[in-house]
Each structure stands twice: as C-alpha cells, then as structure tokens.
C-alpha cells in the first residue's frame, strides 16, 4: 500500500481492498483529517505517530513521541526469543511501548515478564497497551534506570521480583553513537533521543548489560539483544571477555545485516 492508502484505511476504518471495490468517499471532516495527517508527515513526523498506532507481530499498539516506533528488526528479536523461551520469567530491559513484553506474554501464556524503563511516560503507554491485549496480569512494569541499577545491584525491579533468576533477558537498547544522532533521517529525529543515544560508540548499554546480567540468569538461560550496523564484532568481543556466556549466535535481519545476538548462560 502507498502511504496515502495507509492513511485512508486508518481514517475510514476499512480494508485496503475496500478503497478499490467500494470507492469510498471522505466526508468533509475526514478530508480535513487526511490533509492534517499529510501536513504532519510533510513536517517529518513518523507515520506511526501521526496515526497513533503501530502493528507489531500482528498486535496493534498505541505509540506516541514518548516511545521509539517498533521496527521489523525487533520483531525478529522476539521471534528468535520465542525459540528458546517457552515459559518462566523474562526480563525486558527498556520497555518503550511495551512491544517486546506484550508479544512475549501474548505468545507464551505460561510466562511472567518484568519490563523496566526510565521513562514514566513510556511505562504509562506500555501499561495501556498491555491492558488492551489482556496481558497486564503477566507483566510487571517498573520505572528504573538500568545503567545505574545494574551497576549498583540495587534496583526496584530486583526487589519486586524477590531477586529471582530469569529464564530470558531481552533488550533492544539505544545503540546509535552520539555523534551520529544529527545524521539520522528527519522522522527518526522526532523519536525520543534517550531511546536512540547509545553513547560515544553506541555500546554504553551493552557494556553494562553484558557485565552485570550474568548473576540474574539461570544456567542455560538466554540473553538476547538487538544492535546496530557494524557493532557485531565489538559486542561479541565484550561477551567473550566476560566468559560467562556460551553458544554465541549472530542473527541477520531481513536485509542480510547482522542485527541480533543470542548467548546462553554457562553452567
């Protein structure tokens, strides 16, 4: 579908084929809404923010400028996680819209998810999305700064979980090097900087996650993370230095770029 067709199906609440078969007409109010959406897109606002929704793994989620727009690469991250996570307790580091936590809860009914984020606005939106899909009882959303709490070993989510071990830790952390933020596409610049900025080399969060999560994982449990272009070698090196993990696997995205790393907790 073209972008105009996507907008029209959203406004008319119809299927794409209905635009052709029924030749639906916009009311005056709908025409005004369509033109407003087009102006917002021309100003560089992401289409998902304009529509207020995003499809993630077949689940419609509400999104707004307080959260990163979920992307197909993250669907692949969850798909990979579903191959090793069949139940138990998972820790989602950086919940955003709640997309990862909600998908895991939806597709693994015998699971409990702890999802943390530093943004109160993101957590509020994620809770609403979880309620919408009927999985709020499976997910604990907790506000916390993981860069601080993982290092200090004192965190609200650790206390809330009675310091239990996890069967999966999953994250799509910020990975854009600070110096590259100004070069991002105009619509991406409209997304929250804190969800994009990974520090000078883009690896700040990976260093902390790789160093401090091993004590949180059960033997044989998985750590899975999405990462940016050209970062696979550096992240693999961080993991090999830690010597707590085994079975390192790099997964390519649909464009053939290295995008996801999966490791297991050594016994």
Protein backbone atom coordinates (compact mmCIF):
# COMPACT_ATOMS: atom_id res chain seq x y z
CA UNK A 1 0.00 0.00 0.00
CA UNK A 2 1.07 3.57 -0.56
CA UNK A 3 1.30 5.87 2.44
CA UNK A 4 -1.83 7.72 1.32
CA UNK A 5 -3.71 4.41 1.23
CA UNK A 6 -2.49 3.53 4.72
CA UNK A 7 -3.77 6.88 5.99
CA UNK A 8 -7.09 6.45 4.19
CA UNK A 9 -7.71 2.95 5.57
CA UNK A 10 -6.97 4.31 9.04
CA UNK A 11 -9.37 7.24 8.70
CA UNK A 12 -12.12 5.18 7.04
CA UNK A 13 -11.50 2.11 9.23
CA UNK A 14 -11.64 -0.11 6.19
CA UNK A 15 -9.61 -2.75 4.40
CA UNK A 16 -7.23 -1.71 1.59
CA UNK A 17 -9.36 -3.58 -0.95
CA UNK A 18 -12.40 -1.55 0.10
CA UNK A 19 -10.74 1.57 -1.29
CA UNK A 20 -10.83 -0.01 -4.75
CA UNK A 21 -14.03 -2.02 -4.66
CA UNK A 22 -16.34 0.42 -2.90
CA UNK A 23 -14.60 3.64 -3.98
CA UNK A 24 -15.22 5.12 -0.54
CA UNK A 25 -15.60 8.87 -0.24
CA UNK A 26 -14.29 11.07 2.57
CA UNK A 27 -16.63 13.34 4.46
CA UNK A 28 -15.58 16.97 4.89
CA UNK A 29 -14.32 16.19 8.39
CA UNK A 30 -12.41 13.15 7.13
CA UNK A 31 -10.89 15.14 4.28
CA UNK A 32 -9.69 17.73 6.79
CA UNK A 33 -8.22 14.97 8.92
CA UNK A 34 -6.47 13.47 5.88
CA UNK A 35 -4.93 16.83 4.94
CA UNK A 36 -3.81 17.37 8.54
CA UNK A 37 -2.10 13.96 8.57
CA UNK A 38 -0.39 14.78 5.29
CA UNK A 39 0.89 18.10 6.68
CA UNK A 40 2.31 16.35 9.74
CA UNK A 41 4.08 13.80 7.55
CA UNK A 42 5.48 16.56 5.35
CA UNK A 43 6.91 18.12 8.51
CA UNK A 44 8.80 14.89 9.19
CA UNK A 45 6.62 13.31 11.87
CA UNK A 46 6.74 9.48 11.75
CA UNK A 47 3.65 7.97 10.19
CA UNK A 48 3.06 5.83 13.29
CA UNK A 49 2.88 8.94 15.48
CA UNK A 50 0.51 10.57 13.03
CA UNK A 51 -1.82 7.56 13.12
CA UNK A 52 -1.20 6.90 16.80
CA UNK A 53 -0.77 3.18 16.21
CA UNK A 54 1.78 0.63 15.09
CA UNK A 55 1.49 -3.04 14.17
CA UNK A 56 4.00 -5.28 15.94
CA UNK A 57 3.85 -9.02 15.30
CA UNK A 58 0.16 -8.72 14.46
CA UNK A 59 -0.58 -6.73 17.60
CA UNK A 60 -1.85 -3.17 17.24
CA UNK A 61 -0.09 -0.91 19.75
CA UNK A 62 -0.64 2.71 20.62
CA UNK A 63 2.50 4.79 20.07
CA UNK A 64 3.38 8.45 20.62
CA UNK A 65 6.53 10.61 20.76
CA UNK A 66 7.38 9.29 24.25
CA UNK A 67 8.45 5.92 22.77
CA UNK A 68 10.51 4.55 19.93
CA UNK A 69 8.50 3.29 16.97
CA UNK A 70 8.72 -0.55 17.00
CA UNK A 71 10.51 -1.87 13.94
CA UNK A 72 10.55 -5.13 11.95
CA UNK A 73 14.07 -5.92 13.21
CA UNK A 74 12.69 -6.07 16.74
CA UNK A 75 10.01 -8.49 15.56
CA UNK A 76 12.89 -10.73 14.54
CA UNK A 77 14.41 -10.32 18.00
CA UNK A 78 11.17 -11.55 19.58
CA UNK A 79 10.84 -14.35 17.01
CA UNK A 80 14.32 -15.54 17.96
CA UNK A 81 13.47 -15.31 21.66
CA UNK A 82 10.34 -17.41 21.20
CA UNK A 83 12.50 -20.30 20.00
CA UNK A 84 14.22 -20.57 23.39
CA UNK A 85 11.67 -19.05 25.78
CA UNK A 86 8.77 -21.43 26.31
CA UNK A 87 7.74 -20.27 29.77
CA UNK A 88 9.12 -18.92 33.02
CA UNK A 89 10.23 -15.40 33.80
CA UNK A 90 11.77 -12.89 31.37
CA UNK A 91 13.37 -9.51 31.96
CA UNK A 92 12.80 -6.87 29.28
CA UNK A 93 15.37 -4.08 29.56
CA UNK A 94 13.84 -0.91 28.11
CA UNK A 95 10.13 -1.46 27.55
CA UNK A 96 9.23 1.53 25.35
CA UNK A 97 5.71 0.94 24.04
CA UNK A 98 5.71 -2.47 25.72
CA UNK A 99 6.02 -4.22 22.37
CA UNK A 100 8.56 -6.87 23.39
CA UNK A 101 6.99 -7.65 26.76
CA UNK A 102 3.45 -7.77 25.37
CA UNK A 103 4.44 -10.02 22.46
CA UNK A 104 6.25 -12.44 24.80
CA UNK A 105 3.29 -12.52 27.19
CA UNK A 106 0.81 -12.99 24.35
CA UNK A 107 2.68 -15.79 22.61
CA UNK A 108 4.00 -17.53 25.76
CA UNK A 109 0.93 -17.71 28.02
CA UNK A 110 2.85 -19.52 30.79
CA UNK A 111 5.24 -16.61 31.21
CA UNK A 112 5.76 -13.66 33.50
CA UNK A 113 7.62 -10.59 32.24
CA UNK A 114 9.40 -7.86 34.17
CA UNK A 115 9.74 -4.81 31.93
CA UNK A 116 11.71 -1.75 33.01
CA UNK A 117 12.16 1.72 31.59
CA UNK A 118 13.44 5.05 32.87
CA UNK A 119 10.58 6.96 31.23
CA UNK A 120 7.35 7.35 33.21
CA UNK A 121 5.52 8.32 30.01
CA UNK A 122 6.69 5.17 28.22
CA UNK A 123 5.60 2.99 31.13
CA UNK A 124 2.15 4.58 31.21
CA UNK A 125 1.71 3.88 27.50
CA UNK A 126 3.06 0.32 27.83
CA UNK A 127 0.60 -0.45 30.64
CA UNK A 128 -2.27 0.79 28.47
CA UNK A 129 -1.11 -1.40 25.59
CA UNK A 130 -0.86 -4.42 27.90
CA UNK A 131 -4.41 -3.85 29.13
CA UNK A 132 -5.59 -3.55 25.55
CA UNK A 133 -4.23 -7.03 24.77
CA UNK A 134 -5.28 -8.64 28.05
CA UNK A 135 -1.79 -9.44 29.33
CA UNK A 136 -1.44 -6.86 32.10
CA UNK A 137 -1.56 -9.68 34.67
CA UNK A 138 1.58 -11.24 33.19
CA UNK A 139 3.75 -8.12 33.13
CA UNK A 140 5.30 -6.00 35.87
CA UNK A 141 6.18 -2.57 34.53
CA UNK A 142 8.75 -0.87 36.73
CA UNK A 143 10.42 2.51 36.44
CA UNK A 144 14.18 2.24 36.79
CA UNK A 145 17.43 3.46 35.24
CA UNK A 146 19.12 0.23 34.25
CA UNK A 147 22.52 1.87 33.69
CA UNK A 148 22.52 2.82 37.36
CA UNK A 149 20.70 -0.10 38.95
CA UNK A 150 22.60 -2.91 37.25
CA UNK A 151 25.90 -1.48 38.41
CA UNK A 152 24.75 -0.76 41.95
CA UNK A 153 22.96 -4.12 42.28
CA UNK A 154 20.16 -2.21 43.97
CA UNK A 155 17.02 -1.80 41.92
CA UNK A 156 13.25 -1.58 42.32
CA UNK A 157 12.70 -4.47 39.90
CA UNK A 158 15.13 -6.78 41.71
CA UNK A 159 13.27 -6.19 44.97
CA UNK A 160 9.89 -6.61 43.27
CA UNK A 161 10.99 -9.94 41.83
CA UNK A 162 12.45 -11.18 45.13
CA UNK A 163 15.82 -11.35 43.39
CA UNK A 164 14.72 -14.39 41.37
CA UNK A 165 16.70 -15.68 38.41
CA UNK A 166 15.44 -15.14 34.88
CA UNK A 167 14.96 -17.59 32.03
CA UNK A 168 15.45 -14.83 29.44
CA UNK A 169 16.85 -11.33 29.39
CA UNK A 170 15.96 -9.44 26.24
CA UNK A 171 16.72 -5.90 25.13
CA UNK A 172 16.67 -3.52 22.21
CA UNK A 173 18.83 -0.87 23.89
CA UNK A 174 19.85 2.52 22.47
CA UNK A 175 22.72 1.87 20.07
CA UNK A 176 23.22 4.95 17.90
CA UNK A 177 26.60 6.63 18.59
CA UNK A 178 26.02 10.12 19.97
CA UNK A 179 27.88 11.75 17.10
CA UNK A 180 25.57 10.14 14.55
CA UNK A 181 22.29 11.37 16.04
CA UNK A 182 22.41 14.53 13.93
CA UNK A 183 22.72 12.45 10.74
CA UNK A 184 19.61 10.35 11.32
CA UNK A 185 16.62 10.67 8.96
CA UNK A 186 14.28 13.53 9.77
CA UNK A 187 11.46 11.30 11.01
CA UNK A 188 13.80 9.30 13.29
CA UNK A 189 14.95 12.57 14.89
CA UNK A 190 11.35 13.01 16.06
CA UNK A 191 11.69 9.90 18.23
CA UNK A 192 12.96 10.16 21.85
CA UNK A 193 16.72 10.71 21.95
CA UNK A 194 17.08 8.64 25.11
CA UNK A 195 15.81 5.62 23.19
CA UNK A 196 18.44 6.14 20.47
CA UNK A 197 21.60 7.51 22.09
CA UNK A 198 24.00 4.69 22.97
CA UNK A 199 26.92 6.88 23.98
CA UNK A 200 30.12 7.78 22.18
CA UNK A 201 30.47 4.44 20.36
CA UNK A 202 26.87 3.27 20.75
CA UNK A 203 27.86 0.49 23.17
CA UNK A 204 27.20 2.00 26.62
CA UNK A 205 24.21 -0.20 27.36
CA UNK A 206 25.84 -3.37 26.01
CA UNK A 207 28.81 -3.00 28.32
CA UNK A 208 26.56 -2.70 31.35
CA UNK A 209 24.15 -5.46 30.31
CA UNK A 210 26.89 -7.94 29.45
CA UNK A 211 28.88 -7.20 32.61
CA UNK A 212 26.10 -7.22 35.17
CA UNK A 213 23.35 -9.58 33.98
CA UNK A 214 25.05 -13.00 34.38
CA UNK A 215 24.13 -13.26 38.10
CA UNK A 216 20.48 -12.68 37.11
CA UNK A 217 20.27 -15.62 34.70
CA UNK A 218 19.59 -19.27 35.32
CA UNK A 219 22.01 -21.85 33.93
CA UNK A 220 21.20 -22.28 30.23
CA UNK A 221 19.06 -19.12 30.12
CA UNK A 222 19.36 -16.77 27.14
CA UNK A 223 20.48 -13.17 26.78
CA UNK A 224 19.29 -11.67 23.51
CA UNK A 225 19.92 -8.17 22.19
CA UNK A 226 19.34 -6.16 19.04
CA UNK A 227 22.23 -3.98 17.85
CA UNK A 228 23.21 -1.53 15.12
CA UNK A 229 25.11 -1.84 11.86
CA UNK A 230 28.75 -2.79 12.29
CA UNK A 231 28.53 -3.48 16.03
CA UNK A 232 28.53 -7.30 15.98
CA UNK A 233 32.28 -7.73 16.35
CA UNK A 234 32.62 -5.30 19.26
CA UNK A 235 29.66 -6.79 21.14
CA UNK A 236 30.92 -10.33 20.54
CA UNK A 237 34.28 -9.23 21.96
CA UNK A 238 32.60 -7.88 25.10
CA UNK A 239 30.80 -11.19 25.58
CA UNK A 240 33.91 -13.29 25.05
CA UNK A 241 35.82 -11.19 27.57
CA UNK A 242 33.11 -11.71 30.19
CA UNK A 243 33.47 -15.53 29.91
CA UNK A 244 30.04 -16.08 31.50
CA UNK A 245 28.27 -16.96 28.25
CA UNK A 246 28.42 -19.66 25.61
CA UNK A 247 26.73 -20.52 22.29
CA UNK A 248 27.16 -17.09 20.73
CA UNK A 249 24.86 -16.72 17.73
CA UNK A 250 24.57 -13.73 15.40
CA UNK A 251 21.29 -13.43 13.51
CA UNK A 252 20.85 -11.38 10.34
CA UNK A 253 17.87 -9.13 9.67
CA UNK A 254 15.71 -9.34 6.56
CA UNK A 255 18.17 -7.11 4.70
CA UNK A 256 21.04 -9.50 5.43
CA UNK A 257 22.68 -7.27 8.06
CA UNK A 258 23.92 -8.64 11.38
CA UNK A 259 21.29 -7.42 13.84
CA UNK A 260 20.69 -9.75 16.80
CA UNK A 261 22.99 -11.55 19.22
CA UNK A 262 21.93 -14.54 21.28
CA UNK A 263 24.00 -16.18 24.01
CA UNK A 264 23.38 -18.70 26.78
CA UNK A 265 24.39 -18.58 30.41
CA UNK A 266 27.20 -21.04 31.02
CA UNK A 267 26.85 -23.61 33.78
